Amino acid sequence: MIAGIVPCAGTSERMGEPKALMEVSDKTFVQRAVDILSLGGCAPVVVVVPNDPDIESAAHSTNAHVLVRKMTSKLDGIIYLPVDHPLVKADTIRQLLDVAQGSLAPLVIPTYLGDRGHPSFFRASLFSELNDPKVQRERFEEQERIRELYQDDEVDRRDDDFLTAMEYGMPPTGG
């Protein structure tokens, strides 16, 4: 079983409103993400929300992280689709699932013209390595030091929205 995970616990400070509630083609970003993952073959689809009843309502999801925490032993992996990627297609999810299921790779990240992107697949064997927000923050900070030391723009930047989602209990972390 491969779950779809939609983190939307970030503060959206630059946008001035929650990204999850922004609309494209008459659907909120969070509704589109849930639909895309479902149509692509993920089940269940879990939305990680801050304590915001408007986002919970739009996502039709409350305390979803509790569900995945209980299901972690039954999952083969997750597909992680941040809420601010509303134009991903269900076919992209299907292709990612095909690659992931045809491989033993613990992590599958799509690329376009050489750039890595979303969504990403994480095999269940990675869950224990990925579930501590403090450890993840330390890893991001080390990456930032390396990036600055070598002036290497190819090193991933710290993702504060991801860290916030983990602190809220992004599956499979449990918070």
Protein backbone atom coordinates (compact mmCIF):
# COMPACT_ATOMS: atom_id res chain seq x y z
CA MET A 1 0.00 0.00 0.00
CA ILE A 2 1.36 3.42 -0.99
CA ALA A 3 -0.09 6.43 0.79
CA GLY A 4 -0.19 9.92 -0.64
CA ILE A 5 0.97 12.65 1.72
CA VAL A 6 0.10 16.33 1.22
CA PRO A 7 1.96 18.59 3.64
CA CYS A 8 0.32 21.99 4.02
CA ALA A 9 1.38 23.06 7.50
CA GLY A 10 3.59 25.94 6.37
CA THR A 11 2.82 29.53 7.29
CA SER A 12 2.56 30.85 3.69
CA GLU A 13 4.00 34.17 4.84
CA ARG A 14 5.14 35.23 1.37
CA MET A 15 1.75 34.47 -0.16
CA GLY A 16 -0.29 36.38 2.42
CA GLU A 17 -2.86 33.57 2.63
CA PRO A 18 -2.70 29.81 3.15
CA LYS A 19 -1.45 28.14 -0.05
CA ALA A 20 -3.74 25.20 0.66
CA LEU A 21 -6.78 27.45 0.16
CA MET A 22 -5.61 29.18 -3.02
CA GLU A 23 -7.49 28.08 -6.15
CA VAL A 24 -6.71 26.95 -9.64
CA SER A 25 -9.41 25.69 -12.02
CA ASP A 26 -12.15 26.11 -9.39
CA LYS A 27 -10.46 23.83 -6.85
CA THR A 28 -8.28 24.65 -3.87
CA PHE A 29 -4.66 23.57 -4.05
CA VAL A 30 -5.30 21.01 -1.31
CA GLN A 31 -8.35 19.55 -3.10
CA ARG A 32 -6.33 19.24 -6.32
CA ALA A 33 -3.45 17.52 -4.52
CA VAL A 34 -5.78 14.99 -2.89
CA ASP A 35 -7.53 14.30 -6.21
CA ILE A 36 -4.23 13.95 -8.10
CA LEU A 37 -2.82 11.45 -5.60
CA SER A 38 -6.07 9.45 -5.46
CA LEU A 39 -6.44 9.30 -9.24
CA GLY A 40 -2.76 8.40 -9.51
CA GLY A 41 -3.24 5.31 -7.37
CA CYS A 42 -2.34 6.34 -3.82
CA ALA A 43 -4.47 5.10 -0.96
CA PRO A 44 -5.00 6.46 1.56
CA VAL A 45 -4.28 10.11 0.88
CA VAL A 46 -3.41 12.03 4.02
CA VAL A 47 -3.26 15.79 4.41
CA VAL A 48 -1.03 17.28 7.10
CA VAL A 49 -2.71 20.45 8.28
CA PRO A 50 -1.94 23.07 10.88
CA ASN A 51 -4.57 23.81 13.48
CA ASP A 52 -6.72 25.63 10.91
CA PRO A 53 -10.38 24.61 10.54
CA ASP A 54 -10.63 26.22 7.06
CA ILE A 55 -7.79 24.05 5.72
CA GLU A 56 -9.10 20.96 7.53
CA SER A 57 -12.49 21.53 5.95
CA ALA A 58 -11.07 22.09 2.45
CA ALA A 59 -8.98 18.94 2.78
CA HIS A 60 -11.85 16.91 4.26
CA SER A 61 -9.25 15.77 6.76
CA THR A 62 -8.86 16.06 10.51
CA ASN A 63 -6.05 14.43 12.49
CA ALA A 64 -4.98 12.50 9.41
CA HIS A 65 -1.46 12.02 10.79
CA VAL A 66 -2.92 9.78 13.49
CA LEU A 67 -4.32 7.48 10.80
CA VAL A 68 -0.97 7.07 9.03
CA ARG A 69 0.93 6.66 12.28
CA LYS A 70 -1.30 3.65 13.01
CA MET A 71 -0.86 2.36 9.45
CA THR A 72 2.92 2.75 9.14
CA SER A 73 3.57 -0.99 9.45
CA LYS A 74 1.14 -1.64 6.57
CA LEU A 75 2.65 0.88 4.17
CA ASP A 76 5.13 0.01 1.44
CA GLY A 77 5.89 3.68 1.00
CA ILE A 78 4.55 7.18 0.53
CA ILE A 79 4.35 9.70 -2.27
CA TYR A 80 5.01 13.16 -0.93
CA LEU A 81 3.29 15.98 -2.86
CA PRO A 82 3.59 19.44 -1.31
CA VAL A 83 0.36 21.43 -1.49
CA ASP A 84 2.05 24.18 -3.51
CA HIS A 85 2.41 21.92 -6.56
CA PRO A 86 -1.21 21.93 -7.79
CA LEU A 87 -0.43 21.34 -11.46
CA VAL A 88 1.11 17.88 -11.09
CA LYS A 89 -0.87 15.37 -13.13
CA ALA A 90 -2.28 12.03 -11.97
CA ASP A 91 -0.27 10.39 -14.78
CA THR A 92 2.91 11.67 -13.13
CA ILE A 93 1.87 9.90 -9.92
CA ARG A 94 1.19 6.68 -11.86
CA GLN A 95 4.61 6.88 -13.55
CA LEU A 96 6.32 7.51 -10.23
CA LEU A 97 4.51 4.51 -8.72
CA ASP A 98 5.55 2.35 -11.68
CA VAL A 99 9.21 3.31 -11.29
CA ALA A 100 9.10 2.85 -7.50
CA GLN A 101 7.39 -0.53 -7.69
CA GLY A 102 9.80 -1.74 -10.39
CA SER A 103 12.82 -0.87 -8.30
CA LEU A 104 14.27 -1.46 -4.87
CA ALA A 105 15.38 2.16 -4.59
CA PRO A 106 14.45 3.62 -1.21
CA LEU A 107 13.84 7.05 -2.72
CA VAL A 108 12.60 8.04 -6.18
CA ILE A 109 12.76 11.71 -7.16
CA PRO A 110 11.58 12.81 -10.59
CA THR A 111 13.70 15.12 -12.70
CA TYR A 112 12.86 17.51 -15.49
CA LEU A 113 15.66 18.89 -17.66
CA GLY A 114 18.12 17.80 -14.98
CA ASP A 115 16.34 19.48 -12.06
CA ARG A 116 14.88 17.43 -9.21
CA GLY A 117 11.27 18.05 -8.29
CA HIS A 118 8.06 16.78 -6.76
CA PRO A 119 6.36 14.50 -6.04
CA SER A 120 8.82 12.10 -4.42
CA PHE A 121 8.49 8.47 -3.37
CA PHE A 122 9.86 7.27 -0.04
CA ARG A 123 10.01 3.52 0.63
CA ALA A 124 8.91 2.45 4.12
CA SER A 125 12.47 1.37 4.94
CA LEU A 126 13.32 5.08 5.19
CA PHE A 127 10.62 5.99 7.71
CA SER A 128 12.70 5.51 10.84
CA GLU A 129 15.49 7.64 9.34
CA LEU A 130 13.13 10.43 8.38
CA ASN A 131 10.84 10.74 11.37
CA ASP A 132 12.70 13.04 13.76
CA PRO A 133 12.20 16.77 13.03
CA LYS A 134 15.22 17.67 15.19
CA VAL A 135 17.49 15.35 13.21
CA GLN A 136 16.10 16.67 9.93
CA ARG A 137 16.69 20.28 11.02
CA GLU A 138 20.31 19.37 11.91
CA ARG A 139 20.76 17.73 8.49
CA PHE A 140 19.39 20.79 6.69
CA GLU A 141 21.68 23.06 8.73
CA GLU A 142 24.69 20.90 7.81
CA GLN A 143 23.67 21.11 4.14
CA GLU A 144 23.51 24.91 4.46
CA ARG A 145 27.03 24.98 5.95
CA ILE A 146 28.32 22.86 3.06
CA ARG A 147 26.53 25.04 0.52
CA GLU A 148 28.03 28.21 1.99
CA LEU A 149 31.51 26.71 2.44
CA TYR A 150 31.74 25.53 -1.16
CA GLN A 151 29.40 28.17 -2.61
CA ASP A 152 27.50 25.27 -4.16
CA ASP A 153 24.00 26.15 -5.37
CA GLU A 154 23.34 22.48 -6.16
CA VAL A 155 23.11 21.60 -2.45
CA ASP A 156 19.48 21.51 -1.28
CA ARG A 157 18.32 24.45 0.81
CA ARG A 158 16.69 24.11 4.21
CA ASP A 159 12.97 23.57 3.74
CA ASP A 160 11.24 25.26 6.68
CA ASP A 161 7.76 24.25 5.46
CA PHE A 162 8.84 20.59 5.47
CA LEU A 163 10.26 20.94 8.98
CA THR A 164 7.08 22.64 10.21
CA ALA A 165 5.01 19.84 8.70
CA MET A 166 7.16 17.28 10.53
CA GLU A 167 6.66 19.12 13.80
CA TYR A 168 2.89 18.96 13.23
CA GLY A 169 3.21 15.22 12.81
CA MET A 170 3.68 14.67 9.09
CA PRO A 171 3.28 10.99 8.42
CA PRO A 172 5.09 8.75 8.93
CA THR A 173 6.66 10.78 11.73
CA GLY A 174 3.89 11.01 14.29
CA GLY A 175 5.27 14.39 15.49
